[in-house]
Amino acid sequence: VPSGSYVAISHPATDIQAARMATMAD
C-alpha cells in the first residue's frame, strides 16, 4: 500500500492479566 495508508491492529496480550490470559489461551 502507498504512503498515506494506515494499519489498525488489535492483538491479545501476554502482559495484561498474564496468568489468566495464559490459562484462557490454553
mmCIF file of all heavy atoms, coordinates in Angstrom:
data_MODEL
# 
_entry.id   MODEL 
# 
loop_
_atom_site.group_PDB 
_atom_site.id 
_atom_site.type_symbol 
_atom_site.label_atom_id 
_atom_site.label_alt_id 
_atom_site.label_comp_id 
_atom_site.label_asym_id 
_atom_site.label_entity_id 
_atom_site.label_seq_id 
_atom_site.pdbx_PDB_ins_code 
_atom_site.Cartn_x 
_atom_site.Cartn_y 
_atom_site.Cartn_z 
_atom_site.occupancy 
_atom_site.B_iso_or_equiv 
_atom_site.pdbx_formal_charge 
_atom_site.auth_seq_id 
_atom_site.auth_comp_id 
_atom_site.auth_asym_id 
_atom_site.auth_atom_id 
_atom_site.pdbx_PDB_model_num 
ATOM 1   N N   . VAL A 1 1  ? 0.839  -1.197  0.000  1.00 0.00 ? 1  VAL A N   1 
ATOM 2   C CA  . VAL A 1 1  ? 0.000  0.000   0.000  1.00 0.00 ? 1  VAL A CA  1 
ATOM 3   C C   . VAL A 1 1  ? 0.876  1.250   0.000  1.00 0.00 ? 1  VAL A C   1 
ATOM 4   O O   . VAL A 1 1  ? 2.014  1.224   0.459  1.00 0.00 ? 1  VAL A O   1 
ATOM 5   C CB  . VAL A 1 1  ? -0.971 0.005   1.199  1.00 0.00 ? 1  VAL A CB  1 
ATOM 6   C CG1 . VAL A 1 1  ? -1.935 -1.171  1.109  1.00 0.00 ? 1  VAL A CG1 1 
ATOM 7   C CG2 . VAL A 1 1  ? -0.230 -0.014  2.523  1.00 0.00 ? 1  VAL A CG2 1 
ATOM 8   N N   . PRO A 1 2  ? 0.351  2.371   -0.518 1.00 0.00 ? 2  PRO A N   1 
ATOM 9   C CA  . PRO A 1 2  ? 1.192  3.563   -0.685 1.00 0.00 ? 2  PRO A CA  1 
ATOM 10  C C   . PRO A 1 2  ? 1.336  4.385   0.590  1.00 0.00 ? 2  PRO A C   1 
ATOM 11  O O   . PRO A 1 2  ? 0.649  4.156   1.588  1.00 0.00 ? 2  PRO A O   1 
ATOM 12  C CB  . PRO A 1 2  ? 0.433  4.350   -1.750 1.00 0.00 ? 2  PRO A CB  1 
ATOM 13  C CG  . PRO A 1 2  ? -1.002 4.009   -1.510 1.00 0.00 ? 2  PRO A CG  1 
ATOM 14  C CD  . PRO A 1 2  ? -0.985 2.560   -1.106 1.00 0.00 ? 2  PRO A CD  1 
ATOM 15  N N   . SER A 1 3  ? 2.246  5.338   0.518  1.00 0.00 ? 3  SER A N   1 
ATOM 16  C CA  . SER A 1 3  ? 2.376  6.332   1.581  1.00 0.00 ? 3  SER A CA  1 
ATOM 17  C C   . SER A 1 3  ? 1.023  6.988   1.824  1.00 0.00 ? 3  SER A C   1 
ATOM 18  O O   . SER A 1 3  ? 0.257  7.236   0.890  1.00 0.00 ? 3  SER A O   1 
ATOM 19  C CB  . SER A 1 3  ? 3.401  7.377   1.154  1.00 0.00 ? 3  SER A CB  1 
ATOM 20  O OG  . SER A 1 3  ? 3.485  8.416   2.095  1.00 0.00 ? 3  SER A OG  1 
ATOM 21  N N   . GLY A 1 4  ? 0.721  7.246   3.094  1.00 0.00 ? 4  GLY A N   1 
ATOM 22  C CA  . GLY A 1 4  ? -0.577 7.797   3.454  1.00 0.00 ? 4  GLY A CA  1 
ATOM 23  C C   . GLY A 1 4  ? -1.584 6.748   3.843  1.00 0.00 ? 4  GLY A C   1 
ATOM 24  O O   . GLY A 1 4  ? -2.701 7.077   4.258  1.00 0.00 ? 4  GLY A O   1 
ATOM 25  N N   . SER A 1 5  ? -1.195 5.474   3.720  1.00 0.00 ? 5  SER A N   1 
ATOM 26  C CA  . SER A 1 5  ? -2.051 4.367   4.154  1.00 0.00 ? 5  SER A CA  1 
ATOM 27  C C   . SER A 1 5  ? -1.903 4.169   5.665  1.00 0.00 ? 5  SER A C   1 
ATOM 28  O O   . SER A 1 5  ? -1.000 4.728   6.308  1.00 0.00 ? 5  SER A O   1 
ATOM 29  C CB  . SER A 1 5  ? -1.668 3.081   3.419  1.00 0.00 ? 5  SER A CB  1 
ATOM 30  O OG  . SER A 1 5  ? -1.921 3.188   2.037  1.00 0.00 ? 5  SER A OG  1 
ATOM 31  N N   . TYR A 1 6  ? -2.795 3.353   6.213  1.00 0.00 ? 6  TYR A N   1 
ATOM 32  C CA  . TYR A 1 6  ? -2.792 3.101   7.652  1.00 0.00 ? 6  TYR A CA  1 
ATOM 33  C C   . TYR A 1 6  ? -2.898 1.609   7.929  1.00 0.00 ? 6  TYR A C   1 
ATOM 34  O O   . TYR A 1 6  ? -3.418 0.841   7.104  1.00 0.00 ? 6  TYR A O   1 
ATOM 35  C CB  . TYR A 1 6  ? -3.980 3.802   8.323  1.00 0.00 ? 6  TYR A CB  1 
ATOM 36  C CG  . TYR A 1 6  ? -3.872 5.304   8.369  1.00 0.00 ? 6  TYR A CG  1 
ATOM 37  C CD1 . TYR A 1 6  ? -4.240 6.089   7.275  1.00 0.00 ? 6  TYR A CD1 1 
ATOM 38  C CD2 . TYR A 1 6  ? -3.408 5.945   9.508  1.00 0.00 ? 6  TYR A CD2 1 
ATOM 39  C CE1 . TYR A 1 6  ? -4.150 7.463   7.314  1.00 0.00 ? 6  TYR A CE1 1 
ATOM 40  C CE2 . TYR A 1 6  ? -3.315 7.337   9.561  1.00 0.00 ? 6  TYR A CE2 1 
ATOM 41  C CZ  . TYR A 1 6  ? -3.684 8.087   8.464  1.00 0.00 ? 6  TYR A CZ  1 
ATOM 42  O OH  . TYR A 1 6  ? -3.581 9.459   8.510  1.00 0.00 ? 6  TYR A OH  1 
ATOM 43  N N   . VAL A 1 7  ? -2.426 1.226   9.108  1.00 0.00 ? 7  VAL A N   1 
ATOM 44  C CA  . VAL A 1 7  ? -2.657 -0.112  9.644  1.00 0.00 ? 7  VAL A CA  1 
ATOM 45  C C   . VAL A 1 7  ? -3.324 0.045   11.002 1.00 0.00 ? 7  VAL A C   1 
ATOM 46  O O   . VAL A 1 7  ? -2.842 0.808   11.855 1.00 0.00 ? 7  VAL A O   1 
ATOM 47  C CB  . VAL A 1 7  ? -1.343 -0.904  9.805  1.00 0.00 ? 7  VAL A CB  1 
ATOM 48  C CG1 . VAL A 1 7  ? -1.614 -2.244  10.487 1.00 0.00 ? 7  VAL A CG1 1 
ATOM 49  C CG2 . VAL A 1 7  ? -0.676 -1.131  8.454  1.00 0.00 ? 7  VAL A CG2 1 
ATOM 50  N N   . ALA A 1 8  ? -4.432 -0.648  11.197 1.00 0.00 ? 8  ALA A N   1 
ATOM 51  C CA  . ALA A 1 8  ? -5.074 -0.716  12.512 1.00 0.00 ? 8  ALA A CA  1 
ATOM 52  C C   . ALA A 1 8  ? -4.930 -2.149  13.006 1.00 0.00 ? 8  ALA A C   1 
ATOM 53  O O   . ALA A 1 8  ? -5.219 -3.096  12.271 1.00 0.00 ? 8  ALA A O   1 
ATOM 54  C CB  . ALA A 1 8  ? -6.545 -0.326  12.420 1.00 0.00 ? 8  ALA A CB  1 
ATOM 55  N N   . ILE A 1 9  ? -4.471 -2.303  14.239 1.00 0.00 ? 9  ILE A N   1 
ATOM 56  C CA  . ILE A 1 9  ? -4.233 -3.643  14.766 1.00 0.00 ? 9  ILE A CA  1 
ATOM 57  C C   . ILE A 1 9  ? -4.781 -3.754  16.176 1.00 0.00 ? 9  ILE A C   1 
ATOM 58  O O   . ILE A 1 9  ? -4.794 -2.792  16.946 1.00 0.00 ? 9  ILE A O   1 
ATOM 59  C CB  . ILE A 1 9  ? -2.720 -3.976  14.748 1.00 0.00 ? 9  ILE A CB  1 
ATOM 60  C CG1 . ILE A 1 9  ? -2.489 -5.472  14.990 1.00 0.00 ? 9  ILE A CG1 1 
ATOM 61  C CG2 . ILE A 1 9  ? -1.952 -3.106  15.741 1.00 0.00 ? 9  ILE A CG2 1 
ATOM 62  C CD1 . ILE A 1 9  ? -1.071 -5.926  14.697 1.00 0.00 ? 9  ILE A CD1 1 
ATOM 63  N N   . SER A 1 10 ? -5.258 -4.948  16.494 1.00 0.00 ? 10 SER A N   1 
ATOM 64  C CA  . SER A 1 10 ? -5.658 -5.286  17.853 1.00 0.00 ? 10 SER A CA  1 
ATOM 65  C C   . SER A 1 10 ? -5.231 -6.724  18.084 1.00 0.00 ? 10 SER A C   1 
ATOM 66  O O   . SER A 1 10 ? -5.471 -7.590  17.236 1.00 0.00 ? 10 SER A O   1 
ATOM 67  C CB  . SER A 1 10 ? -7.174 -5.123  18.033 1.00 0.00 ? 10 SER A CB  1 
ATOM 68  O OG  . SER A 1 10 ? -7.515 -5.140  19.399 1.00 0.00 ? 10 SER A OG  1 
ATOM 69  N N   . HIS A 1 11 ? -4.573 -6.985  19.235 1.00 0.00 ? 11 HIS A N   1 
ATOM 70  C CA  . HIS A 1 11 ? -3.934 -8.291  19.446 1.00 0.00 ? 11 HIS A CA  1 
ATOM 71  C C   . HIS A 1 11 ? -3.950 -8.639  20.934 1.00 0.00 ? 11 HIS A C   1 
ATOM 72  O O   . HIS A 1 11 ? -3.636 -7.794  21.765 1.00 0.00 ? 11 HIS A O   1 
ATOM 73  C CB  . HIS A 1 11 ? -2.484 -8.219  18.937 1.00 0.00 ? 11 HIS A CB  1 
ATOM 74  C CG  . HIS A 1 11 ? -1.818 -9.544  18.770 1.00 0.00 ? 11 HIS A CG  1 
ATOM 75  N ND1 . HIS A 1 11 ? -1.551 -10.382 19.844 1.00 0.00 ? 11 HIS A ND1 1 
ATOM 76  C CD2 . HIS A 1 11 ? -1.345 -10.179 17.669 1.00 0.00 ? 11 HIS A CD2 1 
ATOM 77  C CE1 . HIS A 1 11 ? -0.947 -11.471 19.392 1.00 0.00 ? 11 HIS A CE1 1 
ATOM 78  N NE2 . HIS A 1 11 ? -0.816 -11.374 18.074 1.00 0.00 ? 11 HIS A NE2 1 
ATOM 79  N N   . PRO A 1 12 ? -4.298 -9.880  21.294 1.00 0.00 ? 12 PRO A N   1 
ATOM 80  C CA  . PRO A 1 12 ? -4.337 -10.269 22.703 1.00 0.00 ? 12 PRO A CA  1 
ATOM 81  C C   . PRO A 1 12 ? -2.948 -10.285 23.328 1.00 0.00 ? 12 PRO A C   1 
ATOM 82  O O   . PRO A 1 12 ? -1.966 -10.668 22.690 1.00 0.00 ? 12 PRO A O   1 
ATOM 83  C CB  . PRO A 1 12 ? -4.964 -11.656 22.687 1.00 0.00 ? 12 PRO A CB  1 
ATOM 84  C CG  . PRO A 1 12 ? -4.720 -12.173 21.318 1.00 0.00 ? 12 PRO A CG  1 
ATOM 85  C CD  . PRO A 1 12 ? -4.734 -10.985 20.417 1.00 0.00 ? 12 PRO A CD  1 
ATOM 86  N N   . ALA A 1 13 ? -2.905 -9.891  24.587 1.00 0.00 ? 13 ALA A N   1 
ATOM 87  C CA  . ALA A 1 13 ? -1.652 -9.612  25.280 1.00 0.00 ? 13 ALA A CA  1 
ATOM 88  C C   . ALA A 1 13 ? -1.185 -10.755 26.174 1.00 0.00 ? 13 ALA A C   1 
ATOM 89  O O   . ALA A 1 13 ? -1.992 -11.485 26.755 1.00 0.00 ? 13 ALA A O   1 
ATOM 90  C CB  . ALA A 1 13 ? -1.812 -8.355  26.126 1.00 0.00 ? 13 ALA A CB  1 
ATOM 91  N N   . THR A 1 14 ? 0.142  -10.859 26.287 1.00 0.00 ? 14 THR A N   1 
ATOM 92  C CA  . THR A 1 14 ? 0.727  -11.719 27.321 1.00 0.00 ? 14 THR A CA  1 
ATOM 93  C C   . THR A 1 14 ? 0.957  -10.951 28.614 1.00 0.00 ? 14 THR A C   1 
ATOM 94  O O   . THR A 1 14 ? 1.133  -11.563 29.676 1.00 0.00 ? 14 THR A O   1 
ATOM 95  C CB  . THR A 1 14 ? 2.097  -12.273 26.880 1.00 0.00 ? 14 THR A CB  1 
ATOM 96  O OG1 . THR A 1 14 ? 2.976  -11.167 26.589 1.00 0.00 ? 14 THR A OG1 1 
ATOM 97  C CG2 . THR A 1 14 ? 1.971  -13.159 25.664 1.00 0.00 ? 14 THR A CG2 1 
ATOM 98  N N   . ASP A 1 15 ? 0.969  -9.617  28.526 1.00 0.00 ? 15 ASP A N   1 
ATOM 99  C CA  . ASP A 1 15 ? 1.376  -8.793  29.661 1.00 0.00 ? 15 ASP A CA  1 
ATOM 100 C C   . ASP A 1 15 ? 0.234  -7.956  30.241 1.00 0.00 ? 15 ASP A C   1 
ATOM 101 O O   . ASP A 1 15 ? 0.457  -6.932  30.865 1.00 0.00 ? 15 ASP A O   1 
ATOM 102 C CB  . ASP A 1 15 ? 2.566  -7.905  29.276 1.00 0.00 ? 15 ASP A CB  1 
ATOM 103 C CG  . ASP A 1 15 ? 2.418  -7.254  27.899 1.00 0.00 ? 15 ASP A CG  1 
ATOM 104 O OD1 . ASP A 1 15 ? 1.379  -7.462  27.244 1.00 0.00 ? 15 ASP A OD1 1 
ATOM 105 O OD2 . ASP A 1 15 ? 3.345  -6.550  27.486 1.00 0.00 ? 15 ASP A OD2 1 
ATOM 106 N N   . ILE A 1 16 ? -0.991 -8.398  30.002 1.00 0.00 ? 16 ILE A N   1 
ATOM 107 C CA  . ILE A 1 16 ? -2.169 -7.874  30.707 1.00 0.00 ? 16 ILE A CA  1 
ATOM 108 C C   . ILE A 1 16 ? -2.867 -9.090  31.297 1.00 0.00 ? 16 ILE A C   1 
ATOM 109 O O   . ILE A 1 16 ? -3.200 -10.025 30.571 1.00 0.00 ? 16 ILE A O   1 
ATOM 110 C CB  . ILE A 1 16 ? -3.133 -7.129  29.761 1.00 0.00 ? 16 ILE A CB  1 
ATOM 111 C CG1 . ILE A 1 16 ? -2.437 -5.972  29.040 1.00 0.00 ? 16 ILE A CG1 1 
ATOM 112 C CG2 . ILE A 1 16 ? -4.346 -6.606  30.528 1.00 0.00 ? 16 ILE A CG2 1 
ATOM 113 C CD1 . ILE A 1 16 ? -3.296 -5.296  27.978 1.00 0.00 ? 16 ILE A CD1 1 
ATOM 114 N N   . GLN A 1 17 ? -3.083 -9.084  32.603 1.00 0.00 ? 17 GLN A N   1 
ATOM 115 C CA  . GLN A 1 17 ? -3.667 -10.250 33.279 1.00 0.00 ? 17 GLN A CA  1 
ATOM 116 C C   . GLN A 1 17 ? -2.982 -11.534 32.789 1.00 0.00 ? 17 GLN A C   1 
ATOM 117 O O   . GLN A 1 17 ? -3.641 -12.481 32.325 1.00 0.00 ? 17 GLN A O   1 
ATOM 118 C CB  . GLN A 1 17 ? -5.173 -10.323 33.048 1.00 0.00 ? 17 GLN A CB  1 
ATOM 119 C CG  . GLN A 1 17 ? -5.953 -9.134  33.593 1.00 0.00 ? 17 GLN A CG  1 
ATOM 120 C CD  . GLN A 1 17 ? -7.447 -9.381  33.612 1.00 0.00 ? 17 GLN A CD  1 
ATOM 121 O OE1 . GLN A 1 17 ? -7.919 -10.449 34.016 1.00 0.00 ? 17 GLN A OE1 1 
ATOM 122 N NE2 . GLN A 1 17 ? -8.220 -8.392  33.194 1.00 0.00 ? 17 GLN A NE2 1 
ATOM 123 N N   . ALA A 1 18 ? -1.679 -11.555 32.892 1.00 0.00 ? 18 ALA A N   1 
ATOM 124 C CA  . ALA A 1 18 ? -0.857 -12.576 32.243 1.00 0.00 ? 18 ALA A CA  1 
ATOM 125 C C   . ALA A 1 18 ? -1.287 -14.005 32.575 1.00 0.00 ? 18 ALA A C   1 
ATOM 126 O O   . ALA A 1 18 ? -1.426 -14.854 31.674 1.00 0.00 ? 18 ALA A O   1 
ATOM 127 C CB  . ALA A 1 18 ? 0.611  -12.371 32.605 1.00 0.00 ? 18 ALA A CB  1 
ATOM 128 N N   . ALA A 1 19 ? -1.475 -14.312 33.855 1.00 0.00 ? 19 ALA A N   1 
ATOM 129 C CA  . ALA A 1 19 ? -1.799 -15.689 34.240 1.00 0.00 ? 19 ALA A CA  1 
ATOM 130 C C   . ALA A 1 19 ? -3.161 -16.095 33.695 1.00 0.00 ? 19 ALA A C   1 
ATOM 131 O O   . ALA A 1 19 ? -3.322 -17.206 33.165 1.00 0.00 ? 19 ALA A O   1 
ATOM 132 C CB  . ALA A 1 19 ? -1.757 -15.833 35.756 1.00 0.00 ? 19 ALA A CB  1 
ATOM 133 N N   . ARG A 1 20 ? -4.136 -15.217 33.822 1.00 0.00 ? 20 ARG A N   1 
ATOM 134 C CA  . ARG A 1 20 ? -5.477 -15.530 33.321 1.00 0.00 ? 20 ARG A CA  1 
ATOM 135 C C   . ARG A 1 20 ? -5.469 -15.670 31.796 1.00 0.00 ? 20 ARG A C   1 
ATOM 136 O O   . ARG A 1 20 ? -6.134 -16.552 31.240 1.00 0.00 ? 20 ARG A O   1 
ATOM 137 C CB  . ARG A 1 20 ? -6.471 -14.445 33.742 1.00 0.00 ? 20 ARG A CB  1 
ATOM 138 C CG  . ARG A 1 20 ? -6.802 -14.450 35.236 1.00 0.00 ? 20 ARG A CG  1 
ATOM 139 C CD  . ARG A 1 20 ? -7.881 -13.426 35.543 1.00 0.00 ? 20 ARG A CD  1 
ATOM 140 N NE  . ARG A 1 20 ? -8.244 -13.408 36.945 1.00 0.00 ? 20 ARG A NE  1 
ATOM 141 C CZ  . ARG A 1 20 ? -9.144 -14.223 37.495 1.00 0.00 ? 20 ARG A CZ  1 
ATOM 142 N NH1 . ARG A 1 20 ? -9.765 -15.121 36.734 1.00 0.00 ? 20 ARG A NH1 1 
ATOM 143 N NH2 . ARG A 1 20 ? -9.425 -14.159 38.787 1.00 0.00 ? 20 ARG A NH2 1 
ATOM 144 N N   . MET A 1 21 ? -4.740 -14.804 31.130 1.00 0.00 ? 21 MET A N   1 
ATOM 145 C CA  . MET A 1 21 ? -4.673 -14.887 29.669 1.00 0.00 ? 21 MET A CA  1 
ATOM 146 C C   . MET A 1 21 ? -4.038 -16.197 29.217 1.00 0.00 ? 21 MET A C   1 
ATOM 147 O O   . MET A 1 21 ? -4.488 -16.826 28.253 1.00 0.00 ? 21 MET A O   1 
ATOM 148 C CB  . MET A 1 21 ? -3.877 -13.701 29.116 1.00 0.00 ? 21 MET A CB  1 
ATOM 149 C CG  . MET A 1 21 ? -4.656 -12.395 29.101 1.00 0.00 ? 21 MET A CG  1 
ATOM 150 S SD  . MET A 1 21 ? -6.035 -12.412 27.905 1.00 0.00 ? 21 MET A SD  1 
ATOM 151 C CE  . MET A 1 21 ? -5.133 -12.220 26.364 1.00 0.00 ? 21 MET A CE  1 
ATOM 152 N N   . ALA A 1 22 ? -2.996 -16.607 29.903 1.00 0.00 ? 22 ALA A N   1 
ATOM 153 C CA  . ALA A 1 22 ? -2.325 -17.856 29.534 1.00 0.00 ? 22 ALA A CA  1 
ATOM 154 C C   . ALA A 1 22 ? -3.265 -19.044 29.700 1.00 0.00 ? 22 ALA A C   1 
ATOM 155 O O   . ALA A 1 22 ? -3.328 -19.939 28.843 1.00 0.00 ? 22 ALA A O   1 
ATOM 156 C CB  . ALA A 1 22 ? -1.064 -18.042 30.359 1.00 0.00 ? 22 ALA A CB  1 
ATOM 157 N N   . THR A 1 23 ? -4.016 -19.062 30.801 1.00 0.00 ? 23 THR A N   1 
ATOM 158 C CA  . THR A 1 23 ? -4.974 -20.147 31.030 1.00 0.00 ? 23 THR A CA  1 
ATOM 159 C C   . THR A 1 23 ? -6.075 -20.124 29.988 1.00 0.00 ? 23 THR A C   1 
ATOM 160 O O   . THR A 1 23 ? -6.472 -21.167 29.447 1.00 0.00 ? 23 THR A O   1 
ATOM 161 C CB  . THR A 1 23 ? -5.571 -20.035 32.440 1.00 0.00 ? 23 THR A CB  1 
ATOM 162 O OG1 . THR A 1 23 ? -4.521 -20.090 33.405 1.00 0.00 ? 23 THR A OG1 1 
ATOM 163 C CG2 . THR A 1 23 ? -6.555 -21.161 32.700 1.00 0.00 ? 23 THR A CG2 1 
ATOM 164 N N   . MET A 1 24 ? -6.572 -18.936 29.689 1.00 0.00 ? 24 MET A N   1 
ATOM 165 C CA  . MET A 1 24 ? -7.614 -18.799 28.670 1.00 0.00 ? 24 MET A CA  1 
ATOM 166 C C   . MET A 1 24 ? -7.139 -19.339 27.327 1.00 0.00 ? 24 MET A C   1 
ATOM 167 O O   . MET A 1 24 ? -7.835 -20.112 26.664 1.00 0.00 ? 24 MET A O   1 
ATOM 168 C CB  . MET A 1 24 ? -8.005 -17.321 28.547 1.00 0.00 ? 24 MET A CB  1 
ATOM 169 C CG  . MET A 1 24 ? -9.035 -17.010 27.472 1.00 0.00 ? 24 MET A CG  1 
ATOM 170 S SD  . MET A 1 24 ? -8.343 -16.812 25.789 1.00 0.00 ? 24 MET A SD  1 
ATOM 171 C CE  . MET A 1 24 ? -7.248 -15.408 26.038 1.00 0.00 ? 24 MET A CE  1 
ATOM 172 N N   . ALA A 1 25 ? -5.937 -18.941 26.923 1.00 0.00 ? 25 ALA A N   1 
ATOM 173 C CA  . ALA A 1 25 ? -5.408 -19.387 25.636 1.00 0.00 ? 25 ALA A CA  1 
ATOM 174 C C   . ALA A 1 25 ? -5.228 -20.900 25.609 1.00 0.00 ? 25 ALA A C   1 
ATOM 175 O O   . ALA A 1 25 ? -5.545 -21.557 24.606 1.00 0.00 ? 25 ALA A O   1 
ATOM 176 C CB  . ALA A 1 25 ? -4.089 -18.685 25.339 1.00 0.00 ? 25 ALA A CB  1 
ATOM 177 N N   . ASP A 1 26 ? -4.738 -21.466 26.709 1.00 0.00 ? 26 ASP A N   1 
ATOM 178 C CA  . ASP A 1 26 ? -4.555 -22.921 26.771 1.00 0.00 ? 26 ASP A CA  1 
ATOM 179 C C   . ASP A 1 26 ? -5.888 -23.643 26.594 1.00 0.00 ? 26 ASP A C   1 
ATOM 180 O O   . ASP A 1 26 ? -5.974 -24.648 25.864 1.00 0.00 ? 26 ASP A O   1 
ATOM 181 C CB  . ASP A 1 26 ? -3.934 -23.320 28.110 1.00 0.00 ? 26 ASP A CB  1 
ATOM 182 C CG  . ASP A 1 26 ? -2.458 -22.965 28.197 1.00 0.00 ? 26 ASP A CG  1 
ATOM 183 O OD1 . ASP A 1 26 ? -1.845 -22.689 27.146 1.00 0.00 ? 26 ASP A OD1 1 
ATOM 184 O OD2 . ASP A 1 26 ? -1.914 -22.967 29.326 1.00 0.00 ? 26 ASP A OD2 1 
# 
